[in-house]
PDB file of N, CA and C in Angstrom:
ATOM      1  N   MET A   1       6.290  20.709  20.187  1.00  0.00           N
ATOM      2  CA  MET A   1       6.118  19.514  19.528  1.00  0.00           C
ATOM      3  C   MET A   1       7.230  19.899  18.208  1.00  0.00           C
ATOM      4  N   SER A   2       8.217  19.194  18.479  1.00  0.00           N
ATOM      5  CA  SER A   2       9.606  19.247  17.493  1.00  0.00           C
ATOM      6  C   SER A   2       9.026  18.613  16.299  1.00  0.00           C
ATOM      7  N   PHE A   3       9.793  18.761  15.182  1.00  0.00           N
ATOM      8  CA  PHE A   3       9.563  18.025  13.642  1.00  0.00           C
ATOM      9  C   PHE A   3      11.002  17.338  13.622  1.00  0.00           C
ATOM     10  N   VAL A   4      10.658  16.391  13.253  1.00  0.00           N
ATOM     11  CA  VAL A   4      11.975  15.194  13.352  1.00  0.00           C
ATOM     12  C   VAL A   4      11.939  14.882  11.524  1.00  0.00           C
ATOM     13  N   ASN A   5      12.793  15.043  10.748  1.00  0.00           N
ATOM     14  CA  ASN A   5      13.138  14.891   9.474  1.00  0.00           C
ATOM     15  C   ASN A   5      13.404  13.139   9.306  1.00  0.00           C
ATOM     16  N   PRO A   6      12.478  12.811   8.520  1.00  0.00           N
ATOM     17  CA  PRO A   6      12.658  11.381   8.174  1.00  0.00           C
ATOM     18  C   PRO A   6      13.757  11.026   7.470  1.00  0.00           C
ATOM     19  N   ASP A   7      14.433  11.849   6.534  1.00  0.00           N
ATOM     20  CA  ASP A   7      15.504  11.691   5.836  1.00  0.00           C
ATOM     21  C   ASP A   7      16.662  12.028   6.759  1.00  0.00           C
ATOM     22  N   PRO A   8      17.626  11.132   7.121  1.00  0.00           N
ATOM     23  CA  PRO A   8      18.771  11.346   7.788  1.00  0.00           C
ATOM     24  C   PRO A   8      19.901  11.860   6.999  1.00  0.00           C
ATOM     25  N   ASP A   9      20.588  12.765   7.426  1.00  0.00           N
ATOM     26  CA  ASP A   9      21.630  13.583   6.941  1.00  0.00           C
ATOM     27  C   ASP A   9      22.766  12.522   6.526  1.00  0.00           C
ATOM     28  N   PRO A  10      23.184  12.445   5.261  1.00  0.00           N
ATOM     29  CA  PRO A  10      23.980  11.344   4.746  1.00  0.00           C
ATOM     30  C   PRO A  10      25.454  11.571   5.184  1.00  0.00           C
ATOM     31  N   GLU A  11      25.747  12.930   5.832  1.00  0.00           N
ATOM     32  CA  GLU A  11      27.186  13.332   6.364  1.00  0.00           C
ATOM     33  C   GLU A  11      27.457  12.569   7.897  1.00  0.00           C
ATOM     34  N   ARG A  12      26.391  12.543   8.370  1.00  0.00           N
ATOM     35  CA  ARG A  12      26.323  11.891   9.840  1.00  0.00           C
ATOM     36  C   ARG A  12      25.414  10.585   9.875  1.00  0.00           C
ATOM     37  N   THR A  13      25.008   9.883   9.074  1.00  0.00           N
ATOM     38  CA  THR A  13      24.966   8.567   9.000  1.00  0.00           C
ATOM     39  C   THR A  13      25.742   7.493   8.636  1.00  0.00           C
ATOM     40  N   THR A  14      26.061   6.752   9.587  1.00  0.00           N
ATOM     41  CA  THR A  14      27.070   5.573   9.840  1.00  0.00           C
ATOM     42  C   THR A  14      26.486   4.505   8.515  1.00  0.00           C
ATOM     43  N   GLY A  15      27.854   3.927   8.022  1.00  0.00           N
ATOM     44  CA  GLY A  15      27.589   3.047   6.856  1.00  0.00           C
ATOM     45  C   GLY A  15      27.200   3.791   5.799  1.00  0.00           C
ATOM     46  N   LEU A  16      27.707   5.017   5.250  1.00  0.00           N
ATOM     47  CA  LEU A  16      27.403   5.807   4.161  1.00  0.00           C
ATOM     48  C   LEU A  16      28.641   6.159   3.509  1.00  0.00           C
ATOM     49  N   GLU A  17      28.972   5.885   2.361  1.00  0.00           N
ATOM     50  CA  GLU A  17      30.320   6.661   1.628  1.00  0.00           C
ATOM     51  C   GLU A  17      29.918   7.732   1.529  1.00  0.00           C
ATOM     52  N   PRO A  18      30.887   8.761   1.028  1.00  0.00           N
ATOM     53  CA  PRO A  18      30.606  10.126   0.769  1.00  0.00           C
ATOM     54  C   PRO A  18      29.950  10.204  -0.327  1.00  0.00           C
ATOM     55  N   GLY A  19      28.909  11.149  -0.486  1.00  0.00           N
ATOM     56  CA  GLY A  19      28.010  11.533  -1.388  1.00  0.00           C
ATOM     57  C   GLY A  19      26.612  10.541  -1.038  1.00  0.00           C
ATOM     58  N   GLY A  20      26.661   9.947  -0.318  1.00  0.00           N
ATOM     59  CA  GLY A  20      25.277   9.099   0.302  1.00  0.00           C
ATOM     60  C   GLY A  20      25.307   7.826  -0.049  1.00  0.00           C
ATOM     61  N   GLY A  21      26.232   7.318  -1.057  1.00  0.00           N
ATOM     62  CA  GLY A  21      26.102   5.695  -1.338  1.00  0.00           C
ATOM     63  C   GLY A  21      26.004   4.739  -0.412  1.00  0.00           C
ATOM     64  N   VAL A  22      25.742   3.466  -0.693  1.00  0.00           N
ATOM     65  CA  VAL A  22      26.011   2.427   0.427  1.00  0.00           C
ATOM     66  C   VAL A  22      26.987   1.521  -0.151  1.00  0.00           C
ATOM     67  N   PRO A  23      27.873   1.158   0.897  1.00  0.00           N
ATOM     68  CA  PRO A  23      28.998   0.215   0.041  1.00  0.00           C
ATOM     69  C   PRO A  23      28.563  -1.283   0.389  1.00  0.00           C
ATOM     70  N   PRO A  24      29.269  -1.994  -0.485  1.00  0.00           N
ATOM     71  CA  PRO A  24      28.954  -3.469  -0.635  1.00  0.00           C
ATOM     72  C   PRO A  24      28.883  -4.065   0.721  1.00  0.00           C
ATOM     73  N   GLY A  25      27.928  -5.046   0.779  1.00  0.00           N
ATOM     74  CA  GLY A  25      27.940  -5.595   2.313  1.00  0.00           C
ATOM     75  C   GLY A  25      26.975  -4.979   3.400  1.00  0.00           C
ATOM     76  N   GLU A  26      26.543  -3.635   3.215  1.00  0.00           N
ATOM     77  CA  GLU A  26      25.787  -3.130   4.119  1.00  0.00           C
ATOM     78  C   GLU A  26      24.395  -3.198   3.933  1.00  0.00           C
ATOM     79  N   THR A  27      23.732  -3.606   2.751  1.00  0.00           N
ATOM     80  CA  THR A  27      22.707  -4.043   2.616  1.00  0.00           C
ATOM     81  C   THR A  27      22.404  -5.531   2.567  1.00  0.00           C
ATOM     82  N   PRO A  28      20.934  -5.888   2.972  1.00  0.00           N
ATOM     83  CA  PRO A  28      20.822  -7.435   3.017  1.00  0.00           C
ATOM     84  C   PRO A  28      20.962  -8.144   1.782  1.00  0.00           C
ATOM     85  N   PRO A  29      21.154  -9.413   1.381  1.00  0.00           N
ATOM     86  CA  PRO A  29      20.782 -10.139   0.245  1.00  0.00           C
ATOM     87  C   PRO A  29      19.423  -9.852  -0.200  1.00  0.00           C
ATOM     88  N   ALA A  30      19.317 -10.037  -1.808  1.00  0.00           N
ATOM     89  CA  ALA A  30      17.847 -10.285  -2.164  1.00  0.00           C
ATOM     90  C   ALA A  30      17.436 -11.253  -1.796  1.00  0.00           C
ATOM     91  N   GLU A  31      16.050 -11.412  -1.877  1.00  0.00           N
ATOM     92  CA  GLU A  31      15.332 -12.557  -1.328  1.00  0.00           C
ATOM     93  C   GLU A  31      15.678 -13.842  -2.124  1.00  0.00           C
ATOM     94  N   SER A  32      15.814 -13.648  -3.521  1.00  0.00           N
ATOM     95  CA  SER A  32      16.196 -14.938  -4.703  1.00  0.00           C
ATOM     96  C   SER A  32      17.173 -15.475  -4.114  1.00  0.00           C
ATOM     97  N   SER A  33      18.385 -14.362  -3.402  1.00  0.00           N
ATOM     98  CA  SER A  33      19.561 -15.341  -3.217  1.00  0.00           C
ATOM     99  C   SER A  33      19.717 -16.047  -1.997  1.00  0.00           C
ATOM    100  N   MET A  34      18.546 -15.812  -1.171  1.00  0.00           N
ATOM    101  CA  MET A  34      18.488 -16.628   0.147  1.00  0.00           C
ATOM    102  C   MET A  34      17.790 -17.837  -0.071  1.00  0.00           C
ATOM    103  N   PRO A  35      18.508 -19.238   0.246  1.00  0.00           N
ATOM    104  CA  PRO A  35      18.184 -20.245   0.222  1.00  0.00           C
ATOM    105  C   PRO A  35      17.230 -20.506   1.151  1.00  0.00           C
ATOM    106  N   GLU A  36      15.945 -21.031   0.790  1.00  0.00           N
ATOM    107  CA  GLU A  36      14.671 -21.539   1.654  1.00  0.00           C
ATOM    108  C   GLU A  36      14.222 -20.182   2.499  1.00  0.00           C
ATOM    109  N   ALA A  37      13.916 -19.294   1.621  1.00  0.00           N
ATOM    110  CA  ALA A  37      13.477 -17.961   2.300  1.00  0.00           C
ATOM    111  C   ALA A  37      12.197 -18.022   2.781  1.00  0.00           C
ATOM    112  N   GLY A  38      11.158 -18.613   1.933  1.00  0.00           N
ATOM    113  CA  GLY A  38      10.129 -19.099   2.371  1.00  0.00           C
ATOM    114  C   GLY A  38       9.434 -19.725   3.201  1.00  0.00           C
ATOM    115  N   PRO A  39       8.205 -19.788   3.537  1.00  0.00           N
ATOM    116  CA  PRO A  39       7.800 -20.972   4.518  1.00  0.00           C
ATOM    117  C   PRO A  39       7.888 -22.512   3.716  1.00  0.00           C
ATOM    118  N   LEU A  40       7.685 -23.441   4.796  1.00  0.00           N
ATOM    119  CA  LEU A  40       7.950 -24.752   3.987  1.00  0.00           C
ATOM    120  C   LEU A  40       6.270 -25.117   4.048  1.00  0.00           C
ATOM    121  N   GLU A  41       6.160 -25.648   2.536  1.00  0.00           N
ATOM    122  CA  GLU A  41       4.843 -25.955   2.167  1.00  0.00           C
ATOM    123  C   GLU A  41       4.534 -27.230   2.125  1.00  0.00           C
ATOM    124  N   ARG A  42       3.736 -28.034   3.092  1.00  0.00           N
ATOM    125  CA  ARG A  42       3.834 -29.371   3.192  1.00  0.00           C
ATOM    126  C   ARG A  42       2.596 -29.967   2.282  1.00  0.00           C
ATOM    127  N   HIS A  43       1.394 -29.039   2.109  1.00  0.00           N
ATOM    128  CA  HIS A  43       0.479 -29.627   1.225  1.00  0.00           C
ATOM    129  C   HIS A  43       0.000 -28.611   0.255  1.00  0.00           C
ATOM    130  N   ASN A  44       0.918 -28.986  -0.606  1.00  0.00           N
ATOM    131  CA  ASN A  44       0.692 -28.120  -2.105  1.00  0.00           C
ATOM    132  C   ASN A  44       0.693 -29.182  -3.250  1.00  0.00           C
ATOM    133  N   PRO A  45      -0.440 -29.959  -3.386  1.00  0.00           N
ATOM    134  CA  PRO A  45      -0.312 -31.130  -4.440  1.00  0.00           C
ATOM    135  C   PRO A  45       0.204 -30.251  -5.647  1.00  0.00           C
ATOM    136  N   SER A  46       0.976 -31.571  -6.443  1.00  0.00           N
ATOM    137  CA  SER A  46       1.756 -30.922  -7.711  1.00  0.00           C
ATOM    138  C   SER A  46       0.801 -31.220  -8.979  1.00  0.00           C
ATOM    139  N   LYS A  47      -0.027 -32.299  -8.621  1.00  0.00           N
ATOM    140  CA  LYS A  47      -0.801 -32.594  -9.918  1.00  0.00           C
ATOM    141  C   LYS A  47      -1.826 -33.167  -9.609  1.00  0.00           C
ATOM    142  N   GLY A  48      -3.104 -33.247 -10.489  1.00  0.00           N
ATOM    143  CA  GLY A  48      -4.142 -34.337 -10.062  1.00  0.00           C
ATOM    144  C   GLY A  48      -5.430 -33.221  -9.610  1.00  0.00           C
ATOM    145  N   TRP A  49      -4.992 -31.849  -9.187  1.00  0.00           N
ATOM    146  CA  TRP A  49      -6.266 -31.199  -8.614  1.00  0.00           C
ATOM    147  C   TRP A  49      -6.822 -30.292  -9.836  1.00  0.00           C
ATOM    148  N   SER A  50      -6.289 -30.293 -11.132  1.00  0.00           N
ATOM    149  CA  SER A  50      -6.734 -29.404 -12.065  1.00  0.00           C
ATOM    150  C   SER A  50      -7.707 -29.875 -13.020  1.00  0.00           C
ATOM    151  N   LYS A  51      -7.896 -31.257 -12.914  1.00  0.00           N
ATOM    152  CA  LYS A  51      -9.116 -31.909 -13.767  1.00  0.00           C
ATOM    153  C   LYS A  51     -10.193 -31.240 -13.924  1.00  0.00           C
ATOM    154  N   GLY A  52     -10.889 -31.079 -12.659  1.00  0.00           N
ATOM    155  CA  GLY A  52     -12.023 -30.598 -12.355  1.00  0.00           C
ATOM    156  C   GLY A  52     -12.448 -29.323 -13.005  1.00  0.00           C
ATOM    157  N   PRO A  53     -11.269 -28.264 -12.491  1.00  0.00           N
ATOM    158  CA  PRO A  53     -11.804 -26.819 -12.968  1.00  0.00           C
ATOM    159  C   PRO A  53     -11.291 -26.751 -14.552  1.00  0.00           C
ATOM    160  N   LEU A  54     -10.320 -27.407 -14.934  1.00  0.00           N
ATOM    161  CA  LEU A  54     -10.026 -27.209 -16.501  1.00  0.00           C
ATOM    162  C   LEU A  54     -11.528 -27.804 -17.089  1.00  0.00           C
ATOM    163  N   THR A  55     -11.970 -28.786 -16.439  1.00  0.00           N
ATOM    164  CA  THR A  55     -13.116 -29.437 -17.478  1.00  0.00           C
ATOM    165  C   THR A  55     -14.360 -28.465 -17.306  1.00  0.00           C
ATOM    166  N   ALA A  56     -14.569 -27.894 -16.096  1.00  0.00           N
ATOM    167  CA  ALA A  56     -15.684 -26.936 -15.880  1.00  0.00           C
ATOM    168  C   ALA A  56     -15.101 -25.612 -16.975  1.00  0.00           C
ATOM    169  N   ILE A  57     -14.188 -25.089 -17.161  1.00  0.00           N
ATOM    170  CA  ILE A  57     -13.617 -24.269 -18.097  1.00  0.00           C
ATOM    171  C   ILE A  57     -14.099 -24.456 -19.619  1.00  0.00           C
ATOM    172  N   VAL A  58     -13.388 -25.642 -20.015  1.00  0.00           N
ATOM    173  CA  VAL A  58     -13.901 -25.910 -21.271  1.00  0.00           C
ATOM    174  C   VAL A  58     -15.323 -26.283 -21.574  1.00  0.00           C
ATOM    175  N   VAL A  59     -16.019 -26.897 -20.668  1.00  0.00           N
ATOM    176  CA  VAL A  59     -17.372 -26.892 -20.894  1.00  0.00           C
ATOM    177  C   VAL A  59     -18.097 -25.347 -20.904  1.00  0.00           C
ATOM    178  N   VAL A  60     -17.758 -24.688 -20.312  1.00  0.00           N
ATOM    179  CA  VAL A  60     -18.499 -23.262 -20.277  1.00  0.00           C
ATOM    180  C   VAL A  60     -17.998 -22.525 -21.628  1.00  0.00           C
ATOM    181  N   THR A  61     -16.846 -22.818 -21.773  1.00  0.00           N
ATOM    182  CA  THR A  61     -16.230 -21.999 -23.250  1.00  0.00           C
ATOM    183  C   THR A  61     -17.140 -22.820 -24.428  1.00  0.00           C
ATOM    184  N   VAL A  62     -17.133 -23.939 -24.381  1.00  0.00           N
ATOM    185  CA  VAL A  62     -18.017 -24.661 -25.529  1.00  0.00           C
ATOM    186  C   VAL A  62     -19.501 -24.207 -25.657  1.00  0.00           C
ATOM    187  N   LEU A  63     -20.175 -24.024 -24.337  1.00  0.00           N
ATOM    188  CA  LEU A  63     -21.399 -23.355 -24.411  1.00  0.00           C
ATOM    189  C   LEU A  63     -21.365 -21.978 -25.004  1.00  0.00           C
ATOM    190  N   VAL A  64     -20.759 -21.322 -24.386  1.00  0.00           N
ATOM    191  CA  VAL A  64     -20.926 -20.085 -24.901  1.00  0.00           C
ATOM    192  C   VAL A  64     -20.539 -19.700 -26.147  1.00  0.00           C
ATOM    193  N   ALA A  65     -19.370 -20.597 -26.940  1.00  0.00           N
ATOM    194  CA  ALA A  65     -19.241 -20.432 -28.393  1.00  0.00           C
ATOM    195  C   ALA A  65     -20.487 -20.988 -29.110  1.00  0.00           C
ATOM    196  N   ALA A  66     -20.888 -22.074 -28.675  1.00  0.00           N
ATOM    197  CA  ALA A  66     -22.201 -22.515 -29.199  1.00  0.00           C
ATOM    198  C   ALA A  66     -23.311 -21.763 -29.360  1.00  0.00           C
ATOM    199  N   PHE A  67     -23.614 -20.873 -28.288  1.00  0.00           N
ATOM    200  CA  PHE A  67     -24.642 -19.924 -28.155  1.00  0.00           C
ATOM    201  C   PHE A  67     -24.278 -18.855 -29.213  1.00  0.00           C
ATOM    202  N   PHE A  68     -23.225 -18.420 -29.295  1.00  0.00           N
ATOM    203  CA  PHE A  68     -22.723 -17.277 -30.228  1.00  0.00           C
ATOM    204  C   PHE A  68     -22.877 -17.771 -31.574  1.00  0.00           C
ATOM    205  N   LEU A  69     -22.572 -18.895 -32.058  1.00  0.00           N
ATOM    206  CA  LEU A  69     -22.546 -19.692 -33.134  1.00  0.00           C
ATOM    207  C   LEU A  69     -24.224 -19.849 -33.506  1.00  0.00           C
ATOM    208  N   VAL A  70     -25.147 -20.538 -32.629  1.00  0.00           N
ATOM    209  CA  VAL A  70     -26.493 -20.425 -33.058  1.00  0.00           C
ATOM    210  C   VAL A  70     -27.011 -19.170 -33.245  1.00  0.00           C
ATOM    211  N   TYR A  71     -26.654 -18.163 -32.166  1.00  0.00           N
ATOM    212  CA  TYR A  71     -27.339 -16.814 -32.440  1.00  0.00           C
ATOM    213  C   TYR A  71     -26.722 -16.017 -33.795  1.00  0.00           C
ATOM    214  N   ALA A  72     -25.686 -16.250 -34.319  1.00  0.00           N
ATOM    215  CA  ALA A  72     -25.026 -15.991 -35.721  1.00  0.00           C
ATOM    216  C   ALA A  72     -26.005 -16.482 -36.730  1.00  0.00           C
ATOM    217  N   LEU A  73     -26.319 -17.735 -36.602  1.00  0.00           N
ATOM    218  CA  LEU A  73     -27.048 -18.347 -37.608  1.00  0.00           C
ATOM    219  C   LEU A  73     -28.639 -18.111 -37.782  1.00  0.00           C
ATOM    220  N   ILE A  74     -28.937 -17.733 -36.441  1.00  0.00           N
ATOM    221  CA  ILE A  74     -30.459 -17.216 -36.232  1.00  0.00           C
ATOM    222  C   ILE A  74     -30.477 -15.851 -37.247  1.00  0.00           C
ATOM    223  N   LEU A  75     -29.492 -14.932 -36.783  1.00  0.00           N
ATOM    224  CA  LEU A  75     -29.296 -13.939 -37.576  1.00  0.00           C
ATOM    225  C   LEU A  75     -29.147 -13.484 -39.114  1.00  0.00           C
ATOM    226  N   ILE A  76     -28.465 -14.598 -39.561  1.00  0.00           N
ATOM    227  CA  ILE A  76     -28.050 -14.619 -40.921  1.00  0.00           C
ATOM    228  C   ILE A  76     -29.757 -15.370 -41.565  1.00  0.00           C
ATOM    229  N   LEU A  77     -30.156 -16.302 -41.128  1.00  0.00           N
ATOM    230  CA  LEU A  77     -31.170 -16.738 -41.687  1.00  0.00           C
ATOM    231  C   LEU A  77     -32.482 -16.078 -41.260  1.00  0.00           C
TER     232      LEU A  77
END
């Protein structure tokens, strides 16, 4: 079984400049520079879905705060 070096020799690899640099245009563009790179999302409601979860979070927060307020008052008195 022979060992294959995963790092290619920069002097024998095509598309590399002397010293191992990559010339402009050899690499693909970054993701943000490609228009519509992601999948088309047809069912992604923009508003109206957050009222229920937001209400639940506020109610739980108020109940926890009220519990600790009453607990502090019981400890003081």
